[in-house]
Amino acid sequence: MTAKPAQSKKKRIIQKEVFVKDLFVSVIVALRNDTTDDVDVVDYLHDLSDLLYRHYSNYEIIIVDNKLKADLMSVVVPLLSELPCIRVIQLSRKYSHDTAIMSGLEGSIGDYTVITDPSLDNPKDIIKIVDENTATDIIQGVAAARKGQRRFRQTLSRRLFYWYGRRFMHIDVPTNSTYFMALSRRAIRAITTSGRSDTHIRHMIAHVGFTYQTFPYETRANPVQSHSLRVGAIEAIDIVSSYSIHPLRFMAWLGFVASIVSIVYALYVVYIAATRQHVAEGWTTMSLQISGLFFVLFLMMVVLAEYIGKIMVESRKDVRYTVLDEQSSTVALADTGRRNIAS
């Protein structure tokens, strides 16, 4: 066990002299509780550390403990004494996956930051996406489509949602986009200082306005997370209400049209009453009018309630997350002569 690290270190030094690039790269490893079902986390982190050491003058690996299982963290923490430039950020409670990634982005200090999922992404693609990130502020990974792995209703609803985003929200997020992405330092600064409490990272980076490019690649597994249609609908409503007032404006116009129809109908009633001697009671017509107007009214209340909830969340100025603890490797920099942590 002692000879192997020495040989590995010698190999790293030789290859680093040949391939090293004068960049500081941060890599956020987005671990999930089911990650160990698909990949050996220890081997993955060793391979990732070797890869980054051979290619960049400085790097860091950030792992966010978003209330991960104890057996998963028990194999990660000992690596702090074995591998350099690893940090573990422990959150106080379980947050959404996007919020966990945001905590890693706010803690990163590299010139370029890559977000990767061990169960989906190949470490070698990190080198390629960083190369593209040096010319473009934001690189969004797009997984190759896998036939026969998604139900029709999931595919249809997913495509409809992204079409709605492009058409009405003016946010063009690729349909097969994953959490594999690379961001420049100024793009991260713009995102983390936005003051938004919501953290739908893929929509946020497409909305911020920096140079944006897709990165097609092959994933290790199917990137689509299986969840019920109800969960997907709730998430879609949350995203739409966070980034667009289109539903509110649509309901405003619908209410305006309904009010015009109501006025026209009232004028029609007055005309009939003035020109006819015997007027039928019109119970059916009146019932349809009342039910139609109440339908519009309550639908407007639903949309208004969603936006009022957003206003309440934003007005509270709550922090996105709370860091409980942070641990780092004994060696914090691969190149101790370089300490460029300016943001």
Protein backbone atom coordinates (compact mmCIF):
# COMPACT_ATOMS: atom_id res chain seq x y z
CA MET A 1 0.00 0.00 0.00
CA THR A 2 2.94 2.37 0.52
CA ALA A 3 4.76 1.64 -2.73
CA LYS A 4 1.80 2.28 -4.98
CA PRO A 5 1.34 5.98 -4.10
CA ALA A 6 5.06 6.62 -4.67
CA GLN A 7 4.95 5.10 -8.16
CA SER A 8 1.78 7.01 -8.94
CA LYS A 9 3.39 10.27 -7.81
CA LYS A 10 6.42 9.73 -10.01
CA LYS A 11 4.19 9.05 -13.00
CA ARG A 12 2.19 12.20 -12.30
CA ILE A 13 5.27 14.41 -12.21
CA ILE A 14 6.55 13.11 -15.54
CA GLN A 15 3.21 13.59 -17.28
CA LYS A 16 2.56 16.94 -15.65
CA GLU A 17 5.73 18.39 -17.11
CA VAL A 18 4.46 17.50 -20.58
CA PHE A 19 0.71 18.19 -20.48
CA VAL A 20 0.25 20.82 -17.77
CA LYS A 21 -1.80 23.94 -18.56
CA ASP A 22 -1.54 27.15 -16.59
CA LEU A 23 -5.15 27.04 -15.38
CA PHE A 24 -6.85 26.74 -12.02
CA VAL A 25 -9.77 24.32 -12.48
CA SER A 26 -12.42 23.57 -9.85
CA VAL A 27 -14.46 20.39 -10.20
CA ILE A 28 -17.70 20.00 -8.25
CA VAL A 29 -18.49 16.31 -7.87
CA ALA A 30 -22.28 16.10 -7.60
CA LEU A 31 -22.68 12.96 -5.50
CA ARG A 32 -26.11 11.47 -4.91
CA ASN A 33 -27.10 8.74 -2.49
CA ASP A 34 -27.51 6.32 -5.40
CA THR A 35 -24.10 7.12 -6.90
CA THR A 36 -22.44 4.06 -5.37
CA ASP A 37 -24.88 1.82 -7.25
CA ASP A 38 -23.24 2.77 -10.55
CA VAL A 39 -19.62 3.68 -9.82
CA ASP A 40 -16.85 3.13 -7.24
CA VAL A 41 -16.50 6.59 -5.70
CA VAL A 42 -12.97 5.98 -4.36
CA ASP A 43 -11.63 4.84 -7.74
CA TYR A 44 -13.44 7.68 -9.46
CA LEU A 45 -11.90 10.33 -7.19
CA HIS A 46 -8.43 8.78 -7.59
CA ASP A 47 -8.78 8.82 -11.37
CA LEU A 48 -10.15 12.35 -11.31
CA SER A 49 -7.30 13.60 -9.11
CA ASP A 50 -4.69 11.98 -11.37
CA LEU A 51 -6.34 13.43 -14.47
CA LEU A 52 -6.45 16.97 -13.09
CA TYR A 53 -2.89 16.77 -11.75
CA ARG A 54 -1.55 15.76 -15.15
CA HIS A 55 -3.29 18.55 -17.05
CA TYR A 56 -3.50 21.65 -14.84
CA SER A 57 -1.09 23.62 -12.71
CA ASN A 58 -3.71 23.92 -9.98
CA TYR A 59 -7.06 22.31 -9.33
CA GLU A 60 -9.53 21.51 -6.58
CA ILE A 61 -12.20 18.87 -6.14
CA ILE A 62 -15.28 19.99 -4.21
CA ILE A 63 -17.69 17.41 -2.78
CA VAL A 64 -20.94 18.66 -1.26
CA ASP A 65 -22.36 16.51 1.54
CA ASN A 66 -26.06 17.14 0.97
CA LYS A 67 -27.05 14.73 3.75
CA LEU A 68 -25.49 11.82 1.88
CA LYS A 69 -25.60 8.34 3.35
CA ALA A 70 -23.07 7.65 6.10
CA ASP A 71 -21.47 4.73 4.23
CA LEU A 72 -20.89 6.96 1.21
CA MET A 73 -19.19 9.72 3.19
CA SER A 74 -17.19 7.16 5.18
CA VAL A 75 -15.21 6.33 2.02
CA VAL A 76 -14.87 9.97 0.92
CA VAL A 77 -13.54 11.60 4.10
CA PRO A 78 -10.42 9.35 4.41
CA LEU A 79 -9.36 10.53 0.95
CA LEU A 80 -8.62 13.97 2.42
CA SER A 81 -5.39 12.55 3.84
CA GLU A 82 -4.53 10.66 0.65
CA LEU A 83 -5.33 13.01 -2.21
CA PRO A 84 -4.48 16.71 -2.48
CA CYS A 85 -6.84 19.56 -3.26
CA ILE A 86 -10.11 17.97 -2.08
CA ARG A 87 -12.71 19.84 -0.07
CA VAL A 88 -15.90 18.50 1.51
CA ILE A 89 -18.70 20.99 2.19
CA GLN A 90 -21.27 19.62 4.63
CA LEU A 91 -24.70 21.21 4.52
CA SER A 92 -26.83 21.46 7.64
CA ARG A 93 -29.79 19.60 6.13
CA LYS A 94 -30.89 18.05 2.86
CA TYR A 95 -31.46 20.63 0.13
CA SER A 96 -32.34 20.23 -3.52
CA HIS A 97 -29.65 18.96 -5.88
CA ASP A 98 -29.46 22.38 -7.54
CA THR A 99 -28.94 24.10 -4.19
CA ALA A 100 -26.13 21.68 -3.32
CA ILE A 101 -24.44 22.50 -6.63
CA MET A 102 -24.87 26.22 -5.94
CA SER A 103 -23.07 25.84 -2.62
CA GLY A 104 -20.18 24.25 -4.49
CA LEU A 105 -20.13 27.08 -7.04
CA GLU A 106 -20.04 29.72 -4.34
CA GLY A 107 -17.17 27.90 -2.66
CA SER A 108 -15.10 27.33 -5.81
CA ILE A 109 -12.01 29.46 -6.45
CA GLY A 110 -10.85 28.20 -9.84
CA ASP A 111 -10.54 30.12 -13.09
CA TYR A 112 -12.99 27.59 -14.56
CA THR A 113 -15.43 25.37 -12.69
CA VAL A 114 -16.86 22.06 -13.91
CA ILE A 115 -19.90 20.29 -12.47
CA THR A 116 -19.87 16.53 -12.98
CA ASP A 117 -21.89 13.51 -11.89
CA PRO A 118 -19.78 10.33 -11.41
CA SER A 119 -22.67 8.05 -12.33
CA LEU A 120 -23.17 9.78 -15.70
CA ASP A 121 -20.03 11.58 -16.84
CA ASN A 122 -16.66 10.32 -17.98
CA PRO A 123 -13.75 12.19 -16.29
CA LYS A 124 -11.95 12.50 -19.63
CA ASP A 125 -14.74 14.75 -20.90
CA ILE A 126 -13.70 17.31 -18.27
CA ILE A 127 -10.56 18.14 -20.26
CA LYS A 128 -12.62 18.72 -23.40
CA ILE A 129 -15.27 20.87 -21.73
CA VAL A 130 -12.65 23.03 -19.99
CA ASP A 131 -10.94 23.63 -23.35
CA GLU A 132 -14.22 24.95 -24.73
CA ASN A 133 -14.87 26.92 -21.54
CA THR A 134 -11.71 28.97 -22.10
CA ALA A 135 -13.41 30.50 -25.16
CA THR A 136 -17.05 30.52 -23.96
CA ASP A 137 -18.32 31.56 -20.53
CA ILE A 138 -20.89 28.78 -20.13
CA ILE A 139 -20.76 25.26 -21.57
CA GLN A 140 -23.87 23.09 -21.12
CA GLY A 141 -23.53 19.34 -21.45
CA VAL A 142 -26.16 17.66 -23.63
CA ALA A 143 -26.53 13.89 -23.46
CA ALA A 144 -26.99 11.82 -26.57
CA ALA A 145 -30.58 10.53 -26.82
CA ARG A 146 -31.13 6.94 -25.70
CA LYS A 147 -33.97 5.18 -27.43
CA GLY A 148 -36.43 3.09 -25.49
CA GLN A 149 -35.47 4.38 -22.03
CA ARG A 150 -38.20 6.95 -21.49
CA ARG A 151 -41.95 6.62 -21.55
CA PHE A 152 -43.83 8.54 -24.22
CA ARG A 153 -45.66 10.78 -21.78
CA GLN A 154 -42.35 11.74 -20.11
CA THR A 155 -40.77 12.52 -23.47
CA LEU A 156 -43.79 14.51 -24.67
CA SER A 157 -44.20 16.49 -21.44
CA ARG A 158 -40.47 17.20 -21.26
CA ARG A 159 -40.36 18.48 -24.84
CA LEU A 160 -43.49 20.57 -24.34
CA PHE A 161 -41.98 22.19 -21.26
CA TYR A 162 -38.71 23.10 -23.00
CA TRP A 163 -40.67 24.36 -26.02
CA TYR A 164 -42.69 26.59 -23.71
CA GLY A 165 -39.46 27.86 -22.17
CA ARG A 166 -38.03 28.80 -25.56
CA ARG A 167 -41.26 30.28 -26.91
CA PHE A 168 -42.59 32.26 -23.96
CA MET A 169 -39.86 32.41 -21.28
CA HIS A 170 -37.06 33.09 -23.82
CA ILE A 171 -34.81 30.59 -22.04
CA ASP A 172 -33.37 28.04 -24.45
CA VAL A 173 -32.40 24.98 -22.40
CA PRO A 174 -31.59 21.88 -24.49
CA THR A 175 -34.05 19.05 -24.00
CA ASN A 176 -31.37 16.49 -23.03
CA SER A 177 -29.29 18.86 -20.92
CA THR A 178 -27.55 17.35 -17.88
CA TYR A 179 -25.75 18.75 -14.86
CA PHE A 180 -22.43 18.38 -16.67
CA MET A 181 -21.41 21.98 -17.31
CA ALA A 182 -18.45 24.35 -17.16
CA LEU A 183 -18.50 28.00 -16.12
CA SER A 184 -15.96 30.77 -16.18
CA ARG A 185 -15.18 32.81 -13.09
CA ARG A 186 -17.19 35.84 -14.25
CA ALA A 187 -20.21 33.66 -15.09
CA ILE A 188 -20.11 32.17 -11.59
CA ARG A 189 -19.84 35.65 -10.08
CA ALA A 190 -22.94 36.76 -12.00
CA ILE A 191 -24.92 33.70 -10.88
CA THR A 192 -23.92 33.67 -7.22
CA THR A 193 -24.48 37.42 -6.73
CA SER A 194 -27.90 37.49 -8.38
CA GLY A 195 -29.69 37.36 -5.02
CA ARG A 196 -32.23 34.81 -6.27
CA SER A 197 -33.48 32.29 -3.74
CA ASP A 198 -34.40 29.74 -6.40
CA THR A 199 -31.59 27.61 -7.79
CA HIS A 200 -32.62 25.91 -11.01
CA ILE A 201 -29.05 25.97 -12.24
CA ARG A 202 -29.63 24.92 -15.85
CA HIS A 203 -32.24 27.63 -16.40
CA MET A 204 -30.22 30.16 -14.44
CA ILE A 205 -27.11 29.82 -16.62
CA ALA A 206 -29.22 30.07 -19.79
CA HIS A 207 -30.97 33.16 -18.43
CA VAL A 208 -27.92 35.11 -17.23
CA GLY A 209 -26.96 36.27 -20.74
CA PHE A 210 -23.30 35.24 -20.98
CA THR A 211 -21.87 33.45 -24.01
CA TYR A 212 -23.44 29.99 -24.06
CA GLN A 213 -22.58 26.82 -25.94
CA THR A 214 -23.71 23.21 -25.80
CA PHE A 215 -21.38 20.24 -25.37
CA PRO A 216 -22.78 16.98 -26.82
CA TYR A 217 -21.36 13.86 -25.16
CA GLU A 218 -22.09 10.24 -24.34
CA THR A 219 -23.30 9.52 -20.81
CA ARG A 220 -22.59 6.35 -18.87
CA ALA A 221 -26.27 5.81 -18.11
CA ASN A 222 -29.68 7.25 -18.88
CA PRO A 223 -29.55 10.86 -17.59
CA VAL A 224 -33.32 11.25 -17.16
CA GLN A 225 -34.33 10.93 -13.52
CA SER A 226 -37.45 8.82 -13.12
CA HIS A 227 -40.19 10.62 -11.20
CA SER A 228 -43.93 10.87 -11.30
CA LEU A 229 -45.77 13.23 -13.61
CA ARG A 230 -47.03 15.12 -10.56
CA VAL A 231 -43.49 15.82 -9.31
CA GLY A 232 -42.45 16.94 -12.78
CA ALA A 233 -45.47 19.25 -13.05
CA ILE A 234 -44.72 20.85 -9.67
CA GLU A 235 -41.10 21.43 -10.67
CA ALA A 236 -42.18 22.89 -14.02
CA ILE A 237 -44.58 25.31 -12.30
CA ASP A 238 -41.84 26.38 -9.90
CA ILE A 239 -39.39 27.04 -12.75
CA VAL A 240 -41.91 28.97 -14.83
CA SER A 241 -43.01 31.16 -11.93
CA SER A 242 -39.36 31.82 -11.04
CA TYR A 243 -38.21 33.01 -14.44
CA SER A 244 -41.24 34.40 -16.23
CA ILE A 245 -44.40 36.43 -15.67
CA HIS A 246 -45.97 34.97 -18.81
CA PRO A 247 -48.65 32.91 -16.95
CA LEU A 248 -49.60 35.99 -14.95
CA ARG A 249 -49.82 38.12 -18.08
CA PHE A 250 -51.78 35.41 -19.89
CA MET A 251 -54.32 35.27 -17.09
CA ALA A 252 -54.53 39.07 -17.08
CA TRP A 253 -55.42 39.06 -20.78
CA LEU A 254 -57.82 36.18 -20.25
CA GLY A 255 -59.52 38.13 -17.49
CA PHE A 256 -59.70 41.19 -19.75
CA VAL A 257 -61.31 39.16 -22.57
CA ALA A 258 -63.75 37.61 -20.08
CA SER A 259 -64.71 41.07 -18.83
CA ILE A 260 -65.34 42.27 -22.41
CA VAL A 261 -67.52 39.22 -23.06
CA SER A 262 -69.41 39.93 -19.86
CA ILE A 263 -70.03 43.55 -20.90
CA VAL A 264 -71.20 42.47 -24.37
CA TYR A 265 -73.52 39.95 -22.79
CA ALA A 266 -74.89 42.62 -20.44
CA LEU A 267 -75.60 44.91 -23.40
CA TYR A 268 -77.27 42.00 -25.15
CA VAL A 269 -79.51 41.42 -22.13
CA VAL A 270 -80.47 45.11 -22.07
CA TYR A 271 -81.24 45.02 -25.80
CA ILE A 272 -83.44 41.93 -25.44
CA ALA A 273 -85.25 43.43 -22.47
CA ALA A 274 -85.95 46.63 -24.42
CA THR A 275 -87.12 45.02 -27.67
CA ARG A 276 -88.94 41.88 -26.57
CA GLN A 277 -92.16 41.60 -24.66
CA HIS A 278 -91.77 38.07 -23.35
CA VAL A 279 -88.27 37.09 -22.36
CA ALA A 280 -87.42 33.54 -21.37
CA GLU A 281 -85.81 33.12 -18.02
CA GLY A 282 -82.49 32.05 -19.60
CA TRP A 283 -81.39 29.91 -16.73
CA THR A 284 -78.96 27.87 -18.86
CA THR A 285 -77.27 30.90 -20.37
CA MET A 286 -76.93 32.61 -17.01
CA SER A 287 -75.49 29.49 -15.44
CA LEU A 288 -72.93 29.14 -18.23
CA GLN A 289 -71.92 32.76 -17.82
CA ILE A 290 -71.50 32.49 -14.06
CA SER A 291 -69.57 29.21 -14.24
CA GLY A 292 -67.30 30.56 -16.99
CA LEU A 293 -66.49 33.73 -15.10
CA PHE A 294 -65.84 31.84 -11.87
CA PHE A 295 -63.54 29.47 -13.76
CA VAL A 296 -61.46 32.40 -14.98
CA LEU A 297 -61.56 34.03 -11.54
CA PHE A 298 -60.32 30.99 -9.64
CA LEU A 299 -57.69 30.19 -12.26
CA MET A 300 -56.36 33.71 -11.85
CA MET A 301 -56.29 33.17 -8.10
CA VAL A 302 -54.15 30.04 -8.55
CA VAL A 303 -51.58 31.92 -10.63
CA LEU A 304 -51.62 34.91 -8.29
CA ALA A 305 -51.12 32.64 -5.28
CA GLU A 306 -48.03 31.10 -6.89
CA TYR A 307 -46.47 34.50 -7.55
CA ILE A 308 -47.42 35.85 -4.14
CA GLY A 309 -45.65 32.85 -2.64
CA LYS A 310 -42.55 33.73 -4.67
CA ILE A 311 -42.73 37.33 -3.47
CA MET A 312 -42.95 36.14 0.12
CA VAL A 313 -39.89 33.88 -0.28
CA GLU A 314 -37.85 36.65 -1.92
CA SER A 315 -38.90 39.25 0.68
CA ARG A 316 -37.73 37.07 3.57
CA LYS A 317 -34.15 37.20 2.24
CA ASP A 318 -33.50 33.67 3.46
CA VAL A 319 -30.10 32.17 2.74
CA ARG A 320 -30.03 29.47 0.06
CA TYR A 321 -28.30 27.01 2.34
CA THR A 322 -26.34 26.71 5.61
CA VAL A 323 -22.89 25.12 5.77
CA LEU A 324 -22.49 22.95 8.85
CA ASP A 325 -18.81 22.06 8.39
CA GLU A 326 -16.03 22.13 5.81
CA GLN A 327 -13.03 19.82 5.57
CA SER A 328 -10.02 20.04 3.26
CA SER A 329 -7.07 17.95 2.18
CA THR A 330 -3.73 18.44 3.90
CA VAL A 331 -2.39 19.84 0.62
CA ALA A 332 -4.71 22.59 -0.59
CA LEU A 333 -2.84 23.55 -3.77
CA ALA A 334 -1.20 21.36 -6.37
CA ASP A 335 1.25 24.19 -7.14
CA THR A 336 2.10 25.95 -3.87
CA GLY A 337 3.70 28.82 -5.76
CA ARG A 338 0.35 29.79 -7.27
CA ARG A 339 -2.38 31.29 -5.13
CA ASN A 340 -4.70 33.04 -7.53
CA ILE A 341 -8.03 33.03 -5.68
CA ALA A 342 -9.27 36.40 -6.87
CA SER A 343 -12.87 36.39 -8.00
